[in-house]
Amino acid sequence: MTEQGDAGRVRGLVFAHPSEEEFARLLDFYRIEWEYEPRTFVLRRYPDGNIREAFSPDFYLPAEDLYIELTTLDLRLMSTKRRKIRRLRRVYPEVKIKLFDRHQFEWLLLKYEMEDQGDELIGKEALESNGCC
């Protein structure tokens, strides 16, 4: 199910962050069908109809009809992601979405004995800004 090309890409996709690529590998390992950034939700428009704010969740799991937003950002910057998800839920109440934050991703790294890859997969800057490492 996982097709690796140059630079270890999954399915030939270029991911925005290494943590997303690793998450895709885990989904493939467990044979969970997924799509990467398949839809952009318009959250707000200007009076003239142009898009003011939009949000593209990282993953969609069709079998669960669930969107996943994975972020390993500095915890202090999470308020923007949470605000967008709140707005998405208000504008699109039928859409199921789960925010998968850095602590949950760290738990996956521990569970799959990959904690030594934290600098690469989470981002050294995010770890250092929260008093880790």
N, C-alpha and C. Protein backbone atom coordinates (compact mmCIF):
# COMPACT_ATOMS: atom_id res chain seq x y z
N MET A 1 0.81 -1.19 0.00
CA MET A 1 0.00 0.00 0.00
C MET A 1 0.86 1.26 0.00
N THR A 2 1.96 1.27 0.72
CA THR A 2 2.86 2.42 0.74
C THR A 2 3.82 2.32 -0.43
N GLU A 3 3.85 3.36 -1.22
CA GLU A 3 4.79 3.44 -2.33
C GLU A 3 5.82 4.50 -2.00
N GLN A 4 7.06 4.09 -1.86
CA GLN A 4 8.10 5.05 -1.53
C GLN A 4 8.89 5.37 -2.77
N GLY A 5 9.05 6.66 -3.02
CA GLY A 5 9.85 7.12 -4.14
C GLY A 5 11.08 7.81 -3.60
N ASP A 6 11.57 8.75 -4.38
CA ASP A 6 12.72 9.54 -3.94
C ASP A 6 12.41 10.24 -2.64
N ALA A 7 13.40 10.40 -1.80
CA ALA A 7 13.31 11.08 -0.51
C ALA A 7 12.33 10.40 0.43
N GLY A 8 11.99 9.12 0.20
CA GLY A 8 11.14 8.37 1.11
C GLY A 8 9.70 8.83 1.13
N ARG A 9 9.21 9.43 0.07
CA ARG A 9 7.85 9.92 0.03
C ARG A 9 6.86 8.77 0.06
N VAL A 10 5.70 9.04 0.61
CA VAL A 10 4.62 8.06 0.65
C VAL A 10 3.68 8.38 -0.50
N ARG A 11 3.42 7.38 -1.35
CA ARG A 11 2.52 7.54 -2.51
C ARG A 11 2.94 8.68 -3.43
N GLY A 12 4.21 9.03 -3.41
CA GLY A 12 4.70 10.09 -4.27
C GLY A 12 4.28 11.49 -3.84
N LEU A 13 3.66 11.62 -2.68
CA LEU A 13 3.19 12.92 -2.18
C LEU A 13 4.32 13.67 -1.49
N VAL A 14 4.24 14.97 -1.55
CA VAL A 14 5.14 15.83 -0.78
C VAL A 14 4.33 16.40 0.36
N PHE A 15 4.72 16.08 1.58
CA PHE A 15 4.00 16.52 2.77
C PHE A 15 4.55 17.84 3.28
N ALA A 16 3.71 18.59 3.96
CA ALA A 16 4.11 19.89 4.49
C ALA A 16 5.08 19.75 5.66
N HIS A 17 5.05 18.62 6.35
CA HIS A 17 5.90 18.43 7.53
C HIS A 17 6.23 16.94 7.66
N PRO A 18 7.42 16.61 8.16
CA PRO A 18 7.80 15.19 8.32
C PRO A 18 6.83 14.40 9.20
N SER A 19 6.21 15.05 10.17
CA SER A 19 5.25 14.33 11.03
C SER A 19 4.05 13.83 10.22
N GLU A 20 3.64 14.60 9.21
CA GLU A 20 2.52 14.17 8.37
C GLU A 20 2.90 12.95 7.54
N GLU A 21 4.11 12.95 7.04
CA GLU A 21 4.59 11.80 6.26
C GLU A 21 4.63 10.55 7.12
N GLU A 22 5.12 10.68 8.34
CA GLU A 22 5.19 9.53 9.22
C GLU A 22 3.80 9.05 9.61
N PHE A 23 2.88 9.98 9.84
CA PHE A 23 1.50 9.62 10.15
C PHE A 23 0.89 8.84 8.99
N ALA A 24 1.16 9.28 7.76
CA ALA A 24 0.68 8.56 6.57
C ALA A 24 1.23 7.14 6.53
N ARG A 25 2.50 6.99 6.88
CA ARG A 25 3.10 5.64 6.91
C ARG A 25 2.39 4.74 7.93
N LEU A 26 2.06 5.31 9.10
CA LEU A 26 1.34 4.52 10.11
C LEU A 26 -0.04 4.12 9.61
N LEU A 27 -0.72 5.05 8.98
CA LEU A 27 -2.04 4.72 8.42
C LEU A 27 -1.93 3.61 7.39
N ASP A 28 -0.93 3.70 6.51
CA ASP A 28 -0.72 2.65 5.52
C ASP A 28 -0.38 1.32 6.18
N PHE A 29 0.47 1.36 7.19
CA PHE A 29 0.86 0.13 7.88
C PHE A 29 -0.37 -0.61 8.42
N TYR A 30 -1.33 0.15 8.95
CA TYR A 30 -2.54 -0.45 9.50
C TYR A 30 -3.67 -0.55 8.47
N ARG A 31 -3.32 -0.30 7.21
CA ARG A 31 -4.26 -0.42 6.09
C ARG A 31 -5.51 0.43 6.29
N ILE A 32 -5.28 1.62 6.78
CA ILE A 32 -6.36 2.59 6.95
C ILE A 32 -6.35 3.50 5.72
N GLU A 33 -7.45 3.51 5.01
CA GLU A 33 -7.56 4.35 3.81
C GLU A 33 -7.53 5.82 4.22
N TRP A 34 -6.77 6.62 3.46
CA TRP A 34 -6.66 8.04 3.77
C TRP A 34 -6.43 8.86 2.51
N GLU A 35 -6.74 10.13 2.63
CA GLU A 35 -6.47 11.10 1.59
C GLU A 35 -5.76 12.27 2.26
N TYR A 36 -4.83 12.87 1.51
CA TYR A 36 -4.05 13.98 2.06
C TYR A 36 -4.60 15.30 1.53
N GLU A 37 -4.99 16.16 2.46
CA GLU A 37 -5.52 17.49 2.17
C GLU A 37 -6.50 17.49 0.98
N PRO A 38 -7.56 16.67 1.06
CA PRO A 38 -8.46 16.54 -0.09
C PRO A 38 -9.46 17.68 -0.25
N ARG A 39 -9.66 18.46 0.78
CA ARG A 39 -10.70 19.48 0.71
C ARG A 39 -10.30 20.73 1.49
N THR A 40 -10.67 21.86 0.94
CA THR A 40 -10.48 23.14 1.62
C THR A 40 -11.86 23.66 1.98
N PHE A 41 -12.04 23.97 3.25
CA PHE A 41 -13.31 24.50 3.75
C PHE A 41 -13.21 26.03 3.84
N VAL A 42 -14.14 26.71 3.23
CA VAL A 42 -14.19 28.16 3.34
C VAL A 42 -14.83 28.49 4.69
N LEU A 43 -14.11 29.25 5.51
CA LEU A 43 -14.60 29.58 6.84
C LEU A 43 -15.23 30.97 6.90
N ARG A 44 -14.67 31.91 6.14
CA ARG A 44 -15.21 33.27 6.12
C ARG A 44 -14.97 33.88 4.75
N ARG A 45 -15.89 34.75 4.38
CA ARG A 45 -15.77 35.47 3.10
C ARG A 45 -15.85 36.98 3.35
N TYR A 46 -15.22 37.71 2.46
CA TYR A 46 -15.38 39.15 2.45
C TYR A 46 -16.76 39.48 1.90
N PRO A 47 -17.24 40.70 2.12
CA PRO A 47 -18.55 41.09 1.59
C PRO A 47 -18.68 40.91 0.08
N ASP A 48 -17.55 41.00 -0.65
CA ASP A 48 -17.62 40.84 -2.11
C ASP A 48 -17.63 39.37 -2.54
N GLY A 49 -17.59 38.45 -1.57
CA GLY A 49 -17.64 37.02 -1.87
C GLY A 49 -16.30 36.32 -1.94
N ASN A 50 -15.21 37.06 -1.99
CA ASN A 50 -13.88 36.45 -2.00
C ASN A 50 -13.60 35.78 -0.66
N ILE A 51 -12.77 34.77 -0.71
CA ILE A 51 -12.43 34.01 0.50
C ILE A 51 -11.55 34.84 1.41
N ARG A 52 -11.96 34.92 2.67
CA ARG A 52 -11.17 35.62 3.69
C ARG A 52 -10.35 34.64 4.52
N GLU A 53 -10.95 33.50 4.82
CA GLU A 53 -10.26 32.48 5.63
C GLU A 53 -10.73 31.11 5.19
N ALA A 54 -9.78 30.20 5.07
CA ALA A 54 -10.08 28.82 4.68
C ALA A 54 -9.21 27.88 5.49
N PHE A 55 -9.59 26.61 5.47
CA PHE A 55 -8.87 25.61 6.27
C PHE A 55 -8.88 24.29 5.51
N SER A 56 -7.69 23.69 5.36
CA SER A 56 -7.53 22.39 4.70
C SER A 56 -6.96 21.40 5.71
N PRO A 57 -7.81 20.57 6.32
CA PRO A 57 -7.28 19.57 7.25
C PRO A 57 -6.29 18.64 6.54
N ASP A 58 -5.34 18.12 7.29
CA ASP A 58 -4.27 17.32 6.72
C ASP A 58 -4.73 16.01 6.11
N PHE A 59 -5.59 15.29 6.80
CA PHE A 59 -5.98 13.96 6.35
C PHE A 59 -7.49 13.79 6.40
N TYR A 60 -7.97 12.92 5.53
CA TYR A 60 -9.37 12.50 5.56
C TYR A 60 -9.37 10.98 5.57
N LEU A 61 -10.10 10.39 6.52
CA LEU A 61 -10.23 8.95 6.62
C LEU A 61 -11.64 8.59 6.16
N PRO A 62 -11.81 8.17 4.89
CA PRO A 62 -13.15 7.93 4.34
C PRO A 62 -13.98 6.91 5.11
N ALA A 63 -13.37 5.84 5.58
CA ALA A 63 -14.12 4.80 6.29
C ALA A 63 -14.75 5.34 7.57
N GLU A 64 -14.13 6.34 8.16
CA GLU A 64 -14.62 6.94 9.39
C GLU A 64 -15.36 8.24 9.13
N ASP A 65 -15.30 8.73 7.89
CA ASP A 65 -15.82 10.05 7.53
C ASP A 65 -15.28 11.08 8.53
N LEU A 66 -13.95 11.08 8.69
CA LEU A 66 -13.29 11.88 9.71
C LEU A 66 -12.09 12.61 9.11
N TYR A 67 -11.99 13.90 9.41
CA TYR A 67 -10.83 14.68 9.04
C TYR A 67 -9.89 14.74 10.24
N ILE A 68 -8.60 14.72 9.94
CA ILE A 68 -7.56 14.79 10.97
C ILE A 68 -6.67 15.99 10.68
N GLU A 69 -6.50 16.82 11.68
CA GLU A 69 -5.52 17.91 11.59
C GLU A 69 -4.39 17.53 12.53
N LEU A 70 -3.22 17.33 11.97
CA LEU A 70 -2.05 16.94 12.74
C LEU A 70 -1.14 18.14 12.87
N THR A 71 -0.81 18.49 14.10
CA THR A 71 0.10 19.61 14.27
C THR A 71 1.09 19.32 15.39
N THR A 72 2.32 19.65 15.11
CA THR A 72 3.38 19.51 16.13
C THR A 72 3.94 20.88 16.46
N LEU A 73 3.16 21.91 16.16
CA LEU A 73 3.59 23.28 16.43
C LEU A 73 3.85 23.50 17.91
N ASP A 74 4.59 24.55 18.17
CA ASP A 74 4.77 25.05 19.52
C ASP A 74 3.37 25.17 20.15
N LEU A 75 3.21 24.67 21.34
CA LEU A 75 1.89 24.66 21.98
C LEU A 75 1.30 26.06 22.11
N ARG A 76 2.14 27.08 22.22
CA ARG A 76 1.63 28.45 22.33
C ARG A 76 0.98 28.92 21.04
N LEU A 77 1.28 28.27 19.92
CA LEU A 77 0.72 28.66 18.63
C LEU A 77 -0.53 27.86 18.26
N MET A 78 -0.94 26.97 19.13
CA MET A 78 -2.08 26.10 18.85
C MET A 78 -3.41 26.84 18.83
N SER A 79 -3.49 28.02 19.42
CA SER A 79 -4.76 28.73 19.50
C SER A 79 -5.32 29.02 18.11
N THR A 80 -4.46 29.30 17.14
CA THR A 80 -4.93 29.55 15.78
C THR A 80 -5.58 28.31 15.19
N LYS A 81 -4.95 27.15 15.37
CA LYS A 81 -5.53 25.90 14.86
C LYS A 81 -6.87 25.60 15.55
N ARG A 82 -6.89 25.77 16.85
CA ARG A 82 -8.13 25.49 17.59
C ARG A 82 -9.25 26.44 17.17
N ARG A 83 -8.91 27.70 16.93
CA ARG A 83 -9.91 28.67 16.49
C ARG A 83 -10.49 28.27 15.14
N LYS A 84 -9.63 27.86 14.22
CA LYS A 84 -10.10 27.44 12.89
C LYS A 84 -10.99 26.21 12.99
N ILE A 85 -10.63 25.28 13.86
CA ILE A 85 -11.46 24.08 14.01
C ILE A 85 -12.81 24.44 14.64
N ARG A 86 -12.81 25.35 15.62
CA ARG A 86 -14.09 25.79 16.19
C ARG A 86 -14.97 26.43 15.12
N ARG A 87 -14.36 27.27 14.31
CA ARG A 87 -15.12 27.92 13.24
C ARG A 87 -15.61 26.89 12.23
N LEU A 88 -14.76 25.93 11.87
CA LEU A 88 -15.18 24.88 10.93
C LEU A 88 -16.39 24.13 11.48
N ARG A 89 -16.36 23.80 12.75
CA ARG A 89 -17.49 23.07 13.37
C ARG A 89 -18.76 23.92 13.38
N ARG A 90 -18.60 25.23 13.50
CA ARG A 90 -19.75 26.12 13.50
C ARG A 90 -20.34 26.26 12.09
N VAL A 91 -19.48 26.40 11.09
CA VAL A 91 -19.93 26.60 9.72
C VAL A 91 -20.36 25.29 9.06
N TYR A 92 -19.69 24.19 9.40
CA TYR A 92 -19.96 22.87 8.82
C TYR A 92 -20.22 21.87 9.96
N PRO A 93 -21.34 21.96 10.64
CA PRO A 93 -21.59 21.10 11.80
C PRO A 93 -21.60 19.60 11.48
N GLU A 94 -21.81 19.26 10.23
CA GLU A 94 -21.85 17.84 9.84
C GLU A 94 -20.46 17.23 9.67
N VAL A 95 -19.42 18.05 9.65
CA VAL A 95 -18.05 17.57 9.43
C VAL A 95 -17.43 17.13 10.75
N LYS A 96 -16.91 15.91 10.75
CA LYS A 96 -16.20 15.40 11.92
C LYS A 96 -14.71 15.67 11.73
N ILE A 97 -14.11 16.29 12.74
CA ILE A 97 -12.69 16.60 12.67
C ILE A 97 -12.06 16.38 14.04
N LYS A 98 -10.81 15.91 14.02
CA LYS A 98 -10.05 15.65 15.24
C LYS A 98 -8.71 16.36 15.12
N LEU A 99 -8.37 17.15 16.12
CA LEU A 99 -7.06 17.78 16.18
C LEU A 99 -6.12 16.81 16.90
N PHE A 100 -5.08 16.44 16.22
CA PHE A 100 -4.09 15.51 16.76
C PHE A 100 -2.87 16.36 17.07
N ASP A 101 -2.66 16.68 18.35
CA ASP A 101 -1.61 17.63 18.71
C ASP A 101 -0.25 16.97 18.95
N ARG A 102 0.72 17.80 19.30
CA ARG A 102 2.08 17.31 19.47
C ARG A 102 2.20 16.24 20.55
N HIS A 103 1.48 16.41 21.66
CA HIS A 103 1.57 15.41 22.74
C HIS A 103 1.05 14.06 22.28
N GLN A 104 -0.01 14.05 21.52
CA GLN A 104 -0.54 12.79 20.99
C GLN A 104 0.43 12.17 20.00
N PHE A 105 1.10 13.01 19.20
CA PHE A 105 2.08 12.50 18.26
C PHE A 105 3.31 11.95 19.01
N GLU A 106 3.72 12.62 20.06
CA GLU A 106 4.83 12.11 20.88
C GLU A 106 4.48 10.75 21.46
N TRP A 107 3.22 10.58 21.87
CA TRP A 107 2.77 9.29 22.39
C TRP A 107 2.92 8.21 21.33
N LEU A 108 2.57 8.52 20.08
CA LEU A 108 2.75 7.55 18.99
C LEU A 108 4.22 7.20 18.82
N LEU A 109 5.09 8.20 18.89
CA LEU A 109 6.52 7.93 18.76
C LEU A 109 7.00 6.98 19.85
N LEU A 110 6.53 7.20 21.08
CA LEU A 110 6.90 6.29 22.17
C LEU A 110 6.33 4.90 21.95
N LYS A 111 5.08 4.83 21.57
CA LYS A 111 4.41 3.54 21.37
C LYS A 111 5.12 2.70 20.31
N TYR A 112 5.57 3.35 19.24
CA TYR A 112 6.21 2.62 18.14
C TYR A 112 7.73 2.70 18.22
N GLU A 113 8.25 3.04 19.41
CA GLU A 113 9.68 3.07 19.70
C GLU A 113 10.44 3.92 18.69
N MET A 114 9.89 5.10 18.42
CA MET A 114 10.50 6.03 17.47
C MET A 114 10.86 7.35 18.15
N GLU A 115 10.91 7.37 19.47
CA GLU A 115 11.14 8.62 20.19
C GLU A 115 12.46 9.28 19.82
N ASP A 116 13.44 8.51 19.34
CA ASP A 116 14.72 9.08 18.93
C ASP A 116 14.59 9.91 17.66
N GLN A 117 13.45 9.86 16.99
CA GLN A 117 13.21 10.64 15.77
C GLN A 117 12.42 11.91 16.04
N GLY A 118 12.24 12.26 17.31
CA GLY A 118 11.43 13.42 17.68
C GLY A 118 11.91 14.72 17.07
N ASP A 119 13.23 14.95 17.07
CA ASP A 119 13.75 16.20 16.49
C ASP A 119 13.32 16.35 15.04
N GLU A 120 13.40 15.25 14.29
CA GLU A 120 13.07 15.28 12.86
C GLU A 120 11.57 15.32 12.62
N LEU A 121 10.82 14.50 13.33
CA LEU A 121 9.39 14.36 13.05
C LEU A 121 8.52 15.42 13.71
N ILE A 122 8.94 15.92 14.86
CA ILE A 122 8.16 16.95 15.54
C ILE A 122 8.70 18.32 15.19
N GLY A 123 9.99 18.43 15.20
CA GLY A 123 10.61 19.72 14.93
C GLY A 123 11.35 20.17 16.17
N LYS A 124 12.63 20.29 16.06
CA LYS A 124 13.47 20.65 17.20
C LYS A 124 13.05 21.97 17.84
N GLU A 125 12.65 22.94 17.00
CA GLU A 125 12.26 24.25 17.52
C GLU A 125 11.03 24.12 18.44
N ALA A 126 10.06 23.31 18.04
CA ALA A 126 8.85 23.12 18.84
C ALA A 126 9.19 22.44 20.16
N LEU A 127 10.07 21.46 20.11
CA LEU A 127 10.45 20.76 21.35
C LEU A 127 11.19 21.70 22.30
N GLU A 128 12.13 22.47 21.77
CA GLU A 128 12.90 23.38 22.61
C GLU A 128 12.06 24.49 23.20
N SER A 129 11.09 24.98 22.46
CA SER A 129 10.27 26.10 22.95
C SER A 129 9.37 25.69 24.10
N ASN A 130 9.21 24.40 24.32
CA ASN A 130 8.37 23.93 25.41
C ASN A 130 9.18 23.24 26.50
N GLY A 131 10.45 23.57 26.56
CA GLY A 131 11.28 23.09 27.65
C GLY A 131 11.74 21.65 27.52
N CYS A 132 11.65 21.09 26.36
CA CYS A 132 12.08 19.71 26.13
C CYS A 132 13.45 19.71 25.50
N CYS A 133 14.23 18.75 25.73
CA CYS A 133 15.49 18.43 25.05
C CYS A 133 16.49 19.54 25.14
